[in-house]
Amino acid sequence: MRILVVEDEPTLCAQLVHAIAAAGHTVESASDGITAHYLGDVEDFDAVVLDLGLPTLDGLSVLRRWRAAGRTMPVLILTARSAWHEKVAGMDAGADDYLAKPFHMEELLARLRALLRRLGEHSSAQWQCGAILLDTRQARVLVDGLPLQLTSHEFKLLSLLMQRKGEVLSRTELSEHIYPQDSDRDSNTIEVFVGRLRKKLPAGSIETVRGLGYRLLDVGHPV
């Protein structure tokens, strides 16, 4: 999944980016409200971790502008523990959940997983597609009950295909979810990752739809 982290405190921002990336997601970050609003307005993110106390434009204003523009990605706001009014204002502005500072990173990751599950049919931390089982909590994949060794890019690609199984996803869309915004995105490399995944997954799991992209099919037997 593609996550935007908005936090102006450098150390905490770095910790959030590291932890969320280690959980198998593609992460981008912003340290001020203007940049955050721009990224959330022009880029597609699966979820946002948003601090409310930001320079240039406060987090509540950023959130209100996103919602007014029809941006519906789940948003987890970070608030000061004593600022109960910020929690209320944040939820009223369109936040999906909140977490008070200081917090344990494990709790933030759990909250984030819960928000991501709401995006589709996935009601648990384990996603199933035929013989393939993806555990979002442990960032691991099993095929017929046996662990599968994947690179971080392969895991991110499979995660998106799993979340939207049966849908055709273009190489550009897949590339945007794997690479951060400021990186040199090359949709041709998606072919390489798809090729690697095909060698590791049950035959026929990933279908090529000529001229459109790829989709994950439900093949094999459930674990």
Protein backbone atom coordinates (compact mmCIF):
# COMPACT_ATOMS: atom_id res chain seq x y z
CA MET A 1 0.00 0.00 0.00
CA ARG A 2 1.03 3.62 -0.52
CA ILE A 3 1.07 5.70 2.66
CA LEU A 4 1.63 9.43 3.22
CA VAL A 5 3.19 10.45 6.54
CA VAL A 6 2.75 14.10 7.53
CA GLU A 7 4.81 15.04 10.58
CA ASP A 8 7.00 18.11 11.17
CA GLU A 9 9.15 16.64 13.96
CA PRO A 10 12.11 15.13 12.05
CA THR A 11 12.92 12.27 14.43
CA LEU A 12 9.33 11.08 14.76
CA CYS A 13 8.78 11.45 11.02
CA ALA A 14 11.84 9.29 10.30
CA GLN A 15 10.65 6.67 12.80
CA LEU A 16 7.19 6.57 11.24
CA VAL A 17 8.55 6.26 7.72
CA HIS A 18 10.93 3.48 8.76
CA ALA A 19 8.30 1.47 10.67
CA ILE A 20 5.62 1.75 7.99
CA ALA A 21 8.09 0.89 5.21
CA ALA A 22 9.30 -2.10 7.23
CA ALA A 23 5.68 -3.30 7.31
CA GLY A 24 5.81 -3.58 3.54
CA HIS A 25 4.34 -0.28 2.40
CA THR A 26 5.57 2.46 0.08
CA VAL A 27 5.92 5.63 2.14
CA GLU A 28 6.18 9.30 1.27
CA SER A 29 6.44 12.10 3.78
CA ALA A 30 5.77 15.81 4.19
CA SER A 31 6.81 18.13 7.01
CA ASP A 32 4.44 21.05 6.42
CA GLY A 33 0.79 21.55 5.61
CA ILE A 34 1.15 23.11 2.17
CA THR A 35 3.28 20.24 0.88
CA ALA A 36 0.99 17.68 2.51
CA HIS A 37 -2.11 19.18 0.94
CA TYR A 38 -0.49 19.23 -2.49
CA LEU A 39 0.67 15.60 -2.29
CA GLY A 40 -2.69 14.37 -1.06
CA ASP A 41 -4.45 16.36 -3.76
CA VAL A 42 -2.44 15.22 -6.79
CA GLU A 43 -1.23 11.75 -5.72
CA ASP A 44 -3.21 8.63 -4.84
CA PHE A 45 -2.53 7.28 -1.35
CA ASP A 46 -4.16 4.33 0.36
CA ALA A 47 -3.95 6.04 3.77
CA VAL A 48 -2.48 9.09 5.50
CA VAL A 49 -0.92 9.55 8.93
CA LEU A 50 -1.51 13.24 9.65
CA ASP A 51 -0.15 15.33 12.49
CA LEU A 52 -2.38 18.27 13.30
CA GLY A 53 0.30 20.72 14.49
CA LEU A 54 1.95 21.61 11.18
CA PRO A 55 3.72 24.73 9.87
CA THR A 56 2.37 26.73 6.88
CA LEU A 57 -1.06 25.08 7.11
CA ASP A 58 -2.46 23.20 10.10
CA GLY A 59 -3.50 19.58 9.80
CA LEU A 60 -7.21 20.23 10.28
CA SER A 61 -7.22 22.68 7.37
CA VAL A 62 -5.35 20.17 5.22
CA LEU A 63 -7.90 17.47 6.06
CA ARG A 64 -10.89 19.73 5.44
CA ARG A 65 -9.52 20.74 2.03
CA TRP A 66 -8.97 17.11 1.04
CA ARG A 67 -12.49 16.13 2.02
CA ALA A 68 -13.99 19.19 0.33
CA ALA A 69 -12.19 18.17 -2.86
CA GLY A 70 -13.60 14.66 -2.63
CA ARG A 71 -10.42 12.94 -1.45
CA THR A 72 -11.63 9.89 0.48
CA MET A 73 -8.42 8.09 1.56
CA PRO A 74 -8.46 6.98 5.22
CA VAL A 75 -6.72 9.46 7.53
CA LEU A 76 -5.25 8.68 10.94
CA ILE A 77 -4.61 11.91 12.84
CA LEU A 78 -1.97 12.36 15.54
CA THR A 79 -2.89 14.63 18.45
CA ALA A 80 -1.47 15.80 21.74
CA ARG A 81 -2.74 13.59 24.56
CA SER A 82 -4.38 16.46 26.45
CA ALA A 83 -5.94 18.09 23.39
CA TRP A 84 -9.29 16.28 23.45
CA HIS A 85 -10.85 19.10 21.44
CA GLU A 86 -8.42 18.35 18.59
CA LYS A 87 -9.67 14.77 18.50
CA VAL A 88 -13.27 15.92 18.20
CA ALA A 89 -12.43 18.55 15.59
CA GLY A 90 -10.39 16.03 13.64
CA MET A 91 -13.19 13.49 13.50
CA ASP A 92 -15.65 16.21 12.51
CA ALA A 93 -13.28 17.28 9.73
CA GLY A 94 -13.30 13.78 8.26
CA ALA A 95 -10.60 11.81 10.07
CA ASP A 96 -11.13 8.05 10.27
CA ASP A 97 -9.20 7.48 13.49
CA TYR A 98 -6.88 9.28 15.91
CA LEU A 99 -3.91 8.43 18.07
CA ALA A 100 -2.65 10.51 20.98
CA LYS A 101 1.04 11.28 21.43
CA PRO A 102 3.15 9.70 22.77
CA PHE A 103 2.18 6.34 21.32
CA HIS A 104 3.68 2.91 20.73
CA MET A 105 4.61 2.30 17.10
CA GLU A 106 2.95 -1.13 17.27
CA GLU A 107 -0.37 0.53 18.05
CA LEU A 108 -0.02 2.96 15.17
CA LEU A 109 0.70 0.09 12.78
CA ALA A 110 -2.32 -1.80 14.10
CA ARG A 111 -4.56 1.25 13.61
CA LEU A 112 -3.16 1.68 10.10
CA ARG A 113 -3.84 -1.97 9.24
CA ALA A 114 -7.42 -1.54 10.42
CA LEU A 115 -7.91 1.49 8.18
CA LEU A 116 -6.46 -0.31 5.18
CA ARG A 117 -8.75 -3.29 5.73
CA ARG A 118 -11.72 -1.00 5.35
CA LEU A 119 -10.70 -0.24 1.77
CA GLY A 120 -11.95 -3.58 0.51
CA GLU A 121 -13.48 -6.84 1.49
CA HIS A 122 -10.64 -7.72 3.86
CA SER A 123 -12.02 -7.95 7.38
CA SER A 124 -8.92 -9.50 8.91
CA ALA A 125 -5.16 -9.06 8.79
CA GLN A 126 -4.89 -12.13 6.56
CA TRP A 127 -5.81 -11.85 2.90
CA GLN A 128 -6.62 -14.99 0.91
CA CYS A 129 -6.57 -15.63 -2.83
CA GLY A 130 -6.70 -19.33 -3.68
CA ALA A 131 -3.56 -20.97 -2.31
CA ILE A 132 -1.99 -17.58 -1.53
CA LEU A 133 -2.24 -16.18 2.00
CA LEU A 134 -0.86 -12.71 2.75
CA ASP A 135 -0.51 -11.75 6.41
CA THR A 136 -0.48 -7.94 6.64
CA ARG A 137 0.43 -7.99 10.33
CA GLN A 138 3.61 -10.02 9.90
CA ALA A 139 4.33 -8.88 6.32
CA ARG A 140 4.68 -12.44 5.06
CA VAL A 141 3.18 -14.62 2.33
CA LEU A 142 2.33 -18.33 2.38
CA VAL A 143 1.54 -20.54 -0.61
CA ASP A 144 -0.12 -23.84 0.28
CA GLY A 145 0.98 -23.19 3.86
CA LEU A 146 4.66 -22.76 2.99
CA PRO A 147 6.45 -19.41 3.48
CA LEU A 148 7.35 -17.50 0.33
CA GLN A 149 10.53 -15.44 0.13
CA LEU A 150 9.78 -12.10 -1.52
CA THR A 151 11.75 -8.90 -1.97
CA SER A 152 10.16 -5.70 -0.63
CA HIS A 153 9.08 -4.65 -4.13
CA GLU A 154 7.59 -8.06 -4.87
CA PHE A 155 5.68 -7.95 -1.57
CA LYS A 156 4.31 -4.47 -2.32
CA LEU A 157 3.24 -5.52 -5.80
CA LEU A 158 1.53 -8.66 -4.54
CA SER A 159 -0.18 -6.72 -1.74
CA LEU A 160 -1.85 -4.38 -4.21
CA LEU A 161 -2.85 -7.23 -6.50
CA MET A 162 -4.26 -9.12 -3.50
CA GLN A 163 -6.20 -6.13 -2.24
CA ARG A 164 -7.79 -5.63 -5.64
CA LYS A 165 -7.85 -9.21 -6.87
CA GLY A 166 -9.78 -9.70 -10.06
CA GLU A 167 -9.26 -6.07 -11.11
CA VAL A 168 -6.99 -5.11 -13.98
CA LEU A 169 -4.19 -2.82 -12.77
CA SER A 170 -2.02 -0.95 -15.26
CA ARG A 171 1.77 -0.97 -15.10
CA THR A 172 1.68 2.75 -14.33
CA GLU A 173 -0.72 2.25 -11.42
CA LEU A 174 1.38 -0.57 -10.01
CA SER A 175 4.55 1.49 -10.43
CA GLU A 176 3.05 4.46 -8.57
CA HIS A 177 2.26 2.25 -5.59
CA ILE A 178 5.71 0.70 -5.45
CA TYR A 179 7.96 3.71 -5.93
CA PRO A 180 7.94 6.94 -3.91
CA GLN A 181 6.92 10.08 -5.75
CA ASP A 182 10.42 11.52 -6.02
CA SER A 183 11.98 8.34 -7.41
CA ASP A 184 12.57 7.51 -11.04
CA ARG A 185 9.48 5.47 -11.81
CA ASP A 186 9.89 3.03 -14.67
CA SER A 187 6.79 1.04 -15.46
CA ASN A 188 8.87 -1.37 -17.53
CA THR A 189 10.40 -2.75 -14.34
CA ILE A 190 6.92 -3.92 -13.32
CA GLU A 191 7.26 -6.60 -15.99
CA VAL A 192 10.39 -7.85 -14.23
CA PHE A 193 8.67 -8.02 -10.83
CA VAL A 194 5.60 -9.70 -12.32
CA GLY A 195 7.86 -12.25 -13.96
CA ARG A 196 9.57 -12.99 -10.66
CA LEU A 197 6.25 -13.32 -8.84
CA ARG A 198 4.91 -15.70 -11.48
CA LYS A 199 7.81 -18.05 -10.81
CA LYS A 200 6.98 -18.09 -7.10
CA LEU A 201 3.17 -18.20 -7.20
CA PRO A 202 0.85 -20.98 -8.43
CA ALA A 203 0.71 -21.17 -12.22
CA GLY A 204 -1.85 -18.82 -13.71
CA SER A 205 -2.11 -16.59 -10.63
CA ILE A 206 -1.23 -13.38 -12.51
CA GLU A 207 -2.95 -12.81 -15.82
CA THR A 208 -1.70 -10.35 -18.43
CA VAL A 209 -4.51 -8.35 -20.03
CA ARG A 210 -2.99 -7.17 -23.28
CA GLY A 211 -2.76 -3.40 -23.53
CA LEU A 212 -4.23 -2.87 -20.07
CA GLY A 213 -2.13 -4.49 -17.35
CA TYR A 214 -2.32 -7.37 -14.90
CA ARG A 215 -4.79 -8.97 -12.53
CA LEU A 216 -4.60 -11.60 -9.81
CA LEU A 217 -6.77 -14.66 -10.24
CA ASP A 218 -8.10 -17.08 -7.64
CA VAL A 219 -6.31 -20.30 -8.54
CA GLY A 220 -5.15 -23.27 -6.52
CA HIS A 221 -6.64 -24.46 -3.27
CA PRO A 222 -7.08 -22.31 -0.12
CA VAL A 223 -4.55 -22.93 2.64
